[in-house]
Amino acid sequence: MNPSSSGPARWEKLGCRALASTRILDLHSVQFRHPARDTAREFVVIDAPDWVNVVALTADRHLVLVRQFRYGTNEFSLEIPGGVIERGEDPAVAGVRELREETGFAGPAARVLGVVQPNPAIQSNRCHLVLVEDARPAGATAWDHDEEIEVSTAPVEDVFAWARDGRITHSLVLNALWLFEPIWA
């Protein structure tokens, strides 16, 4: 950045109108004006609830993984458990809930490793990355109607290798593993 520059200008939000509403997100047209250029433009923004992804570490130093079909890519995806945070729900509590629902695993405590913005160019939500240590089988799964999940565990080092060689490609899973790696090392 040029030291003499004051940086980019903050655009002024002028208004917002709904374009579509679905069970998982709302689509809005948002009008912004650039303060110096006196230019107004409309941008599309996806409003979705916050999400949680869970790094679940077992006592034998494995990570809990899920493999499921993803409609957006029309492919199977190897991931860590995760899902939608309910309105007003604590992210760590949501992580424990999603871990239990998707995998049947639970752990005695959870903590947030970090928070990322999935795509701030067009999305308003955040993804909370949660660590659950000493995860172990604790009961039956409770999948959503459209979920069908293969649950497995793998040694942490194998999971890191799969992330590096492209077998794990989900960007939010990669973010979680990146935040977990220094703790693991």
C-alpha atoms as a PDB file:
ATOM      1  CA  MET A   1       0.000   0.000   0.000  1.00  0.00           C
ATOM      2  CA  ASN A   2       1.191   3.475  -0.800  1.00  0.00           C
ATOM      3  CA  PRO A   3       2.226   5.179   2.509  1.00  0.00           C
ATOM      4  CA  SER A   4       0.768   8.499   1.358  1.00  0.00           C
ATOM      5  CA  SER A   5      -2.587   6.897   0.609  1.00  0.00           C
ATOM      6  CA  SER A   6      -5.310   6.925   3.233  1.00  0.00           C
ATOM      7  CA  GLY A   7      -6.520   3.572   1.939  1.00  0.00           C
ATOM      8  CA  PRO A   8      -9.737   2.584   0.241  1.00  0.00           C
ATOM      9  CA  ALA A   9     -12.891   4.541   1.005  1.00  0.00           C
ATOM     10  CA  ARG A  10     -15.746   3.035   2.974  1.00  0.00           C
ATOM     11  CA  TRP A  11     -18.831   2.852   0.767  1.00  0.00           C
ATOM     12  CA  GLU A  12     -22.080   4.163   2.255  1.00  0.00           C
ATOM     13  CA  LYS A  13     -24.946   1.673   2.424  1.00  0.00           C
ATOM     14  CA  LEU A  14     -28.067   3.291   0.956  1.00  0.00           C
ATOM     15  CA  GLY A  15     -30.652   0.527   1.028  1.00  0.00           C
ATOM     16  CA  CYS A  16     -31.457  -3.120   0.750  1.00  0.00           C
ATOM     17  CA  ARG A  17     -34.219  -5.129  -0.903  1.00  0.00           C
ATOM     18  CA  ALA A  18     -34.965  -8.832  -0.748  1.00  0.00           C
ATOM     19  CA  LEU A  19     -34.504 -10.822  -3.950  1.00  0.00           C
ATOM     20  CA  ALA A  20     -35.200 -14.319  -2.624  1.00  0.00           C
ATOM     21  CA  SER A  21     -35.668 -16.158   0.632  1.00  0.00           C
ATOM     22  CA  THR A  22     -34.902 -19.862   1.076  1.00  0.00           C
ATOM     23  CA  ARG A  23     -34.658 -22.221   4.033  1.00  0.00           C
ATOM     24  CA  ILE A  24     -30.865 -21.785   4.155  1.00  0.00           C
ATOM     25  CA  LEU A  25     -30.197 -18.203   2.998  1.00  0.00           C
ATOM     26  CA  ASP A  26     -31.680 -14.918   1.903  1.00  0.00           C
ATOM     27  CA  LEU A  27     -30.512 -13.087  -1.189  1.00  0.00           C
ATOM     28  CA  HIS A  28     -30.499  -9.273  -1.111  1.00  0.00           C
ATOM     29  CA  SER A  29     -29.769  -6.473  -3.516  1.00  0.00           C
ATOM     30  CA  VAL A  30     -27.864  -3.843  -1.548  1.00  0.00           C
ATOM     31  CA  GLN A  31     -27.196  -0.360  -2.870  1.00  0.00           C
ATOM     32  CA  PHE A  32     -23.924   1.351  -1.914  1.00  0.00           C
ATOM     33  CA  ARG A  33     -22.476   4.750  -2.840  1.00  0.00           C
ATOM     34  CA  HIS A  34     -18.781   5.548  -3.084  1.00  0.00           C
ATOM     35  CA  PRO A  35     -18.170   8.787  -1.136  1.00  0.00           C
ATOM     36  CA  ALA A  36     -15.543  10.364  -3.389  1.00  0.00           C
ATOM     37  CA  ARG A  37     -16.703   9.157  -6.780  1.00  0.00           C
ATOM     38  CA  ASP A  38     -20.360   9.853  -6.038  1.00  0.00           C
ATOM     39  CA  THR A  39     -21.148   6.536  -7.691  1.00  0.00           C
ATOM     40  CA  ALA A  40     -24.044   4.370  -6.559  1.00  0.00           C
ATOM     41  CA  ARG A  41     -24.142   0.653  -7.430  1.00  0.00           C
ATOM     42  CA  GLU A  42     -26.171  -2.402  -6.512  1.00  0.00           C
ATOM     43  CA  PHE A  43     -24.454  -5.515  -5.160  1.00  0.00           C
ATOM     44  CA  VAL A  44     -25.857  -8.957  -4.407  1.00  0.00           C
ATOM     45  CA  VAL A  45     -25.361 -10.126  -0.818  1.00  0.00           C
ATOM     46  CA  ILE A  46     -26.075 -13.592   0.561  1.00  0.00           C
ATOM     47  CA  ASP A  47     -27.405 -13.408   4.118  1.00  0.00           C
ATOM     48  CA  ALA A  48     -27.038 -16.760   5.835  1.00  0.00           C
ATOM     49  CA  PRO A  49     -26.875 -17.802   9.472  1.00  0.00           C
ATOM     50  CA  ASP A  50     -23.445 -18.307  11.006  1.00  0.00           C
ATOM     51  CA  TRP A  51     -21.930 -21.773  10.673  1.00  0.00           C
ATOM     52  CA  VAL A  52     -19.733 -23.987  12.832  1.00  0.00           C
ATOM     53  CA  ASN A  53     -17.098 -26.559  11.843  1.00  0.00           C
ATOM     54  CA  VAL A  54     -15.712 -28.963  14.440  1.00  0.00           C
ATOM     55  CA  VAL A  55     -12.212 -30.371  14.810  1.00  0.00           C
ATOM     56  CA  ALA A  56     -12.991 -33.378  17.022  1.00  0.00           C
ATOM     57  CA  LEU A  57      -9.855 -35.010  18.450  1.00  0.00           C
ATOM     58  CA  THR A  58     -10.129 -38.488  19.991  1.00  0.00           C
ATOM     59  CA  ALA A  59      -8.021 -39.809  22.871  1.00  0.00           C
ATOM     60  CA  ASP A  60      -6.020 -41.939  20.407  1.00  0.00           C
ATOM     61  CA  ARG A  61      -5.087 -38.819  18.391  1.00  0.00           C
ATOM     62  CA  HIS A  62      -7.510 -39.287  15.511  1.00  0.00           C
ATOM     63  CA  LEU A  63      -9.845 -36.728  13.981  1.00  0.00           C
ATOM     64  CA  VAL A  64     -13.535 -37.428  13.412  1.00  0.00           C
ATOM     65  CA  LEU A  65     -14.424 -37.060   9.730  1.00  0.00           C
ATOM     66  CA  VAL A  66     -17.590 -37.100   7.672  1.00  0.00           C
ATOM     67  CA  ARG A  67     -17.982 -37.992   4.024  1.00  0.00           C
ATOM     68  CA  GLN A  68     -21.134 -36.871   2.297  1.00  0.00           C
ATOM     69  CA  PHE A  69     -22.594 -35.935  -1.049  1.00  0.00           C
ATOM     70  CA  ARG A  70     -22.534 -32.190  -1.748  1.00  0.00           C
ATOM     71  CA  TYR A  71     -25.150 -30.803  -4.125  1.00  0.00           C
ATOM     72  CA  GLY A  72     -23.156 -27.690  -5.092  1.00  0.00           C
ATOM     73  CA  THR A  73     -20.256 -29.672  -6.525  1.00  0.00           C
ATOM     74  CA  ASN A  74     -22.243 -32.818  -7.380  1.00  0.00           C
ATOM     75  CA  GLU A  75     -19.460 -34.771  -5.656  1.00  0.00           C
ATOM     76  CA  PHE A  76     -18.647 -36.493  -2.383  1.00  0.00           C
ATOM     77  CA  SER A  77     -16.631 -34.420   0.083  1.00  0.00           C
ATOM     78  CA  LEU A  78     -14.408 -35.474   2.987  1.00  0.00           C
ATOM     79  CA  GLU A  79     -14.866 -32.974   5.797  1.00  0.00           C
ATOM     80  CA  ILE A  80     -15.023 -32.375   9.513  1.00  0.00           C
ATOM     81  CA  PRO A  81     -18.509 -32.180  11.073  1.00  0.00           C
ATOM     82  CA  GLY A  82     -20.331 -28.873  10.928  1.00  0.00           C
ATOM     83  CA  GLY A  83     -23.559 -27.055  10.354  1.00  0.00           C
ATOM     84  CA  VAL A  84     -25.750 -24.073  11.066  1.00  0.00           C
ATOM     85  CA  ILE A  85     -25.631 -22.208  14.369  1.00  0.00           C
ATOM     86  CA  GLU A  86     -29.147 -21.629  15.664  1.00  0.00           C
ATOM     87  CA  ARG A  87     -30.125 -18.009  16.362  1.00  0.00           C
ATOM     88  CA  GLY A  88     -28.669 -16.997  19.762  1.00  0.00           C
ATOM     89  CA  GLU A  89     -26.747 -20.274  20.178  1.00  0.00           C
ATOM     90  CA  ASP A  90     -23.183 -20.145  21.506  1.00  0.00           C
ATOM     91  CA  PRO A  91     -20.754 -21.350  18.784  1.00  0.00           C
ATOM     92  CA  ALA A  92     -19.038 -23.878  21.090  1.00  0.00           C
ATOM     93  CA  VAL A  93     -22.427 -25.301  22.105  1.00  0.00           C
ATOM     94  CA  ALA A  94     -23.431 -25.457  18.434  1.00  0.00           C
ATOM     95  CA  GLY A  95     -20.211 -27.317  17.671  1.00  0.00           C
ATOM     96  CA  VAL A  96     -20.907 -29.942  20.309  1.00  0.00           C
ATOM     97  CA  ARG A  97     -24.492 -30.289  19.044  1.00  0.00           C
ATOM     98  CA  GLU A  98     -23.467 -30.640  15.399  1.00  0.00           C
ATOM     99  CA  LEU A  99     -20.731 -33.145  16.292  1.00  0.00           C
ATOM    100  CA  ARG A 100     -23.251 -35.300  18.164  1.00  0.00           C
ATOM    101  CA  GLU A 101     -25.977 -35.017  15.514  1.00  0.00           C
ATOM    102  CA  GLU A 102     -23.737 -35.803  12.547  1.00  0.00           C
ATOM    103  CA  THR A 103     -21.371 -38.382  14.050  1.00  0.00           C
ATOM    104  CA  GLY A 104     -22.680 -39.625  17.410  1.00  0.00           C
ATOM    105  CA  PHE A 105     -19.422 -38.402  19.006  1.00  0.00           C
ATOM    106  CA  ALA A 106     -19.205 -36.045  21.981  1.00  0.00           C
ATOM    107  CA  GLY A 107     -16.495 -34.592  24.186  1.00  0.00           C
ATOM    108  CA  PRO A 108     -16.280 -33.048  27.647  1.00  0.00           C
ATOM    109  CA  ALA A 109     -15.444 -29.516  26.481  1.00  0.00           C
ATOM    110  CA  ALA A 110     -15.313 -27.334  23.391  1.00  0.00           C
ATOM    111  CA  ARG A 111     -13.552 -24.109  22.559  1.00  0.00           C
ATOM    112  CA  VAL A 112     -13.506 -21.770  19.593  1.00  0.00           C
ATOM    113  CA  LEU A 113     -10.239 -21.854  17.646  1.00  0.00           C
ATOM    114  CA  GLY A 114     -11.171 -18.923  15.445  1.00  0.00           C
ATOM    115  CA  VAL A 115     -13.750 -17.288  13.242  1.00  0.00           C
ATOM    116  CA  VAL A 116     -13.565 -16.809   9.473  1.00  0.00           C
ATOM    117  CA  GLN A 117     -15.715 -15.054   6.889  1.00  0.00           C
ATOM    118  CA  PRO A 118     -16.523 -17.651   4.202  1.00  0.00           C
ATOM    119  CA  ASN A 119     -16.665 -15.093   1.370  1.00  0.00           C
ATOM    120  CA  PRO A 120     -16.921 -11.449   2.511  1.00  0.00           C
ATOM    121  CA  ALA A 121     -17.292 -10.244  -1.087  1.00  0.00           C
ATOM    122  CA  ILE A 122     -20.837 -11.646  -1.266  1.00  0.00           C
ATOM    123  CA  GLN A 123     -21.700 -13.265   2.091  1.00  0.00           C
ATOM    124  CA  SER A 124     -22.569 -11.663   5.427  1.00  0.00           C
ATOM    125  CA  ASN A 125     -22.095 -14.685   7.697  1.00  0.00           C
ATOM    126  CA  ARG A 126     -19.192 -16.147   9.656  1.00  0.00           C
ATOM    127  CA  CYS A 127     -17.964 -19.669  10.325  1.00  0.00           C
ATOM    128  CA  HIS A 128     -16.821 -20.498  13.862  1.00  0.00           C
ATOM    129  CA  LEU A 129     -14.122 -23.163  14.055  1.00  0.00           C
ATOM    130  CA  VAL A 130     -14.431 -25.240  17.218  1.00  0.00           C
ATOM    131  CA  LEU A 131     -12.132 -27.791  18.866  1.00  0.00           C
ATOM    132  CA  VAL A 132     -13.609 -30.683  20.852  1.00  0.00           C
ATOM    133  CA  GLU A 133     -10.956 -32.767  22.602  1.00  0.00           C
ATOM    134  CA  ASP A 134     -11.319 -36.307  23.934  1.00  0.00           C
ATOM    135  CA  ALA A 135     -14.165 -36.980  21.512  1.00  0.00           C
ATOM    136  CA  ARG A 136     -15.683 -40.436  21.771  1.00  0.00           C
ATOM    137  CA  PRO A 137     -18.767 -42.293  20.564  1.00  0.00           C
ATOM    138  CA  ALA A 138     -21.653 -41.192  22.771  1.00  0.00           C
ATOM    139  CA  GLY A 139     -24.885 -42.202  21.078  1.00  0.00           C
ATOM    140  CA  ALA A 140     -26.908 -42.305  17.919  1.00  0.00           C
ATOM    141  CA  THR A 141     -26.718 -39.759  15.144  1.00  0.00           C
ATOM    142  CA  ALA A 142     -29.604 -37.384  14.407  1.00  0.00           C
ATOM    143  CA  TRP A 143     -29.214 -36.456  10.759  1.00  0.00           C
ATOM    144  CA  ASP A 144     -31.306 -33.851   8.997  1.00  0.00           C
ATOM    145  CA  HIS A 145     -33.797 -35.199   6.454  1.00  0.00           C
ATOM    146  CA  ASP A 146     -31.408 -34.709   3.507  1.00  0.00           C
ATOM    147  CA  GLU A 147     -28.242 -35.897   5.269  1.00  0.00           C
ATOM    148  CA  GLU A 148     -26.595 -39.252   4.684  1.00  0.00           C
ATOM    149  CA  ILE A 149     -23.145 -39.326   6.243  1.00  0.00           C
ATOM    150  CA  GLU A 150     -20.289 -41.799   6.415  1.00  0.00           C
ATOM    151  CA  VAL A 151     -18.464 -41.263   9.732  1.00  0.00           C
ATOM    152  CA  SER A 152     -14.833 -42.270  10.216  1.00  0.00           C
ATOM    153  CA  THR A 153     -11.734 -41.362  12.166  1.00  0.00           C
ATOM    154  CA  ALA A 154      -8.172 -41.009  10.905  1.00  0.00           C
ATOM    155  CA  PRO A 155      -4.812 -40.153  12.464  1.00  0.00           C
ATOM    156  CA  VAL A 156      -4.233 -36.400  12.610  1.00  0.00           C
ATOM    157  CA  GLU A 157      -1.108 -36.614  10.437  1.00  0.00           C
ATOM    158  CA  ASP A 158      -3.062 -38.471   7.727  1.00  0.00           C
ATOM    159  CA  VAL A 159      -5.741 -35.767   7.743  1.00  0.00           C
ATOM    160  CA  PHE A 160      -3.103 -33.048   7.360  1.00  0.00           C
ATOM    161  CA  ALA A 161      -1.561 -35.017   4.454  1.00  0.00           C
ATOM    162  CA  TRP A 162      -4.994 -35.324   2.777  1.00  0.00           C
ATOM    163  CA  ALA A 163      -5.460 -31.557   3.149  1.00  0.00           C
ATOM    164  CA  ARG A 164      -2.080 -30.931   1.521  1.00  0.00           C
ATOM    165  CA  ASP A 165      -2.555 -33.391  -1.358  1.00  0.00           C
ATOM    166  CA  GLY A 166      -6.059 -32.256  -2.324  1.00  0.00           C
ATOM    167  CA  ARG A 167      -8.202 -35.068  -0.944  1.00  0.00           C
ATOM    168  CA  ILE A 168      -9.752 -32.541   1.449  1.00  0.00           C
ATOM    169  CA  THR A 169     -10.829 -29.464  -0.520  1.00  0.00           C
ATOM    170  CA  HIS A 170     -13.561 -27.795   1.538  1.00  0.00           C
ATOM    171  CA  SER A 171     -12.119 -24.344   2.280  1.00  0.00           C
ATOM    172  CA  LEU A 172     -13.679 -24.009   5.744  1.00  0.00           C
ATOM    173  CA  VAL A 173     -12.327 -27.427   6.735  1.00  0.00           C
ATOM    174  CA  LEU A 174      -8.885 -26.339   5.545  1.00  0.00           C
ATOM    175  CA  ASN A 175      -9.218 -23.157   7.657  1.00  0.00           C
ATOM    176  CA  ALA A 176     -10.051 -25.237  10.737  1.00  0.00           C
ATOM    177  CA  LEU A 177      -7.114 -27.579  10.160  1.00  0.00           C
ATOM    178  CA  TRP A 178      -4.783 -24.598   9.658  1.00  0.00           C
ATOM    179  CA  LEU A 179      -5.862 -23.163  13.035  1.00  0.00           C
ATOM    180  CA  PHE A 180      -5.591 -26.578  14.713  1.00  0.00           C
ATOM    181  CA  GLU A 181      -2.118 -27.432  13.371  1.00  0.00           C
ATOM    182  CA  PRO A 182      -0.106 -25.181  15.756  1.00  0.00           C
ATOM    183  CA  ILE A 183      -1.994 -26.640  18.723  1.00  0.00           C
ATOM    184  CA  TRP A 184      -1.243 -30.131  17.497  1.00  0.00           C
ATOM    185  CA  ALA A 185       2.449 -29.509  16.762  1.00  0.00           C
END
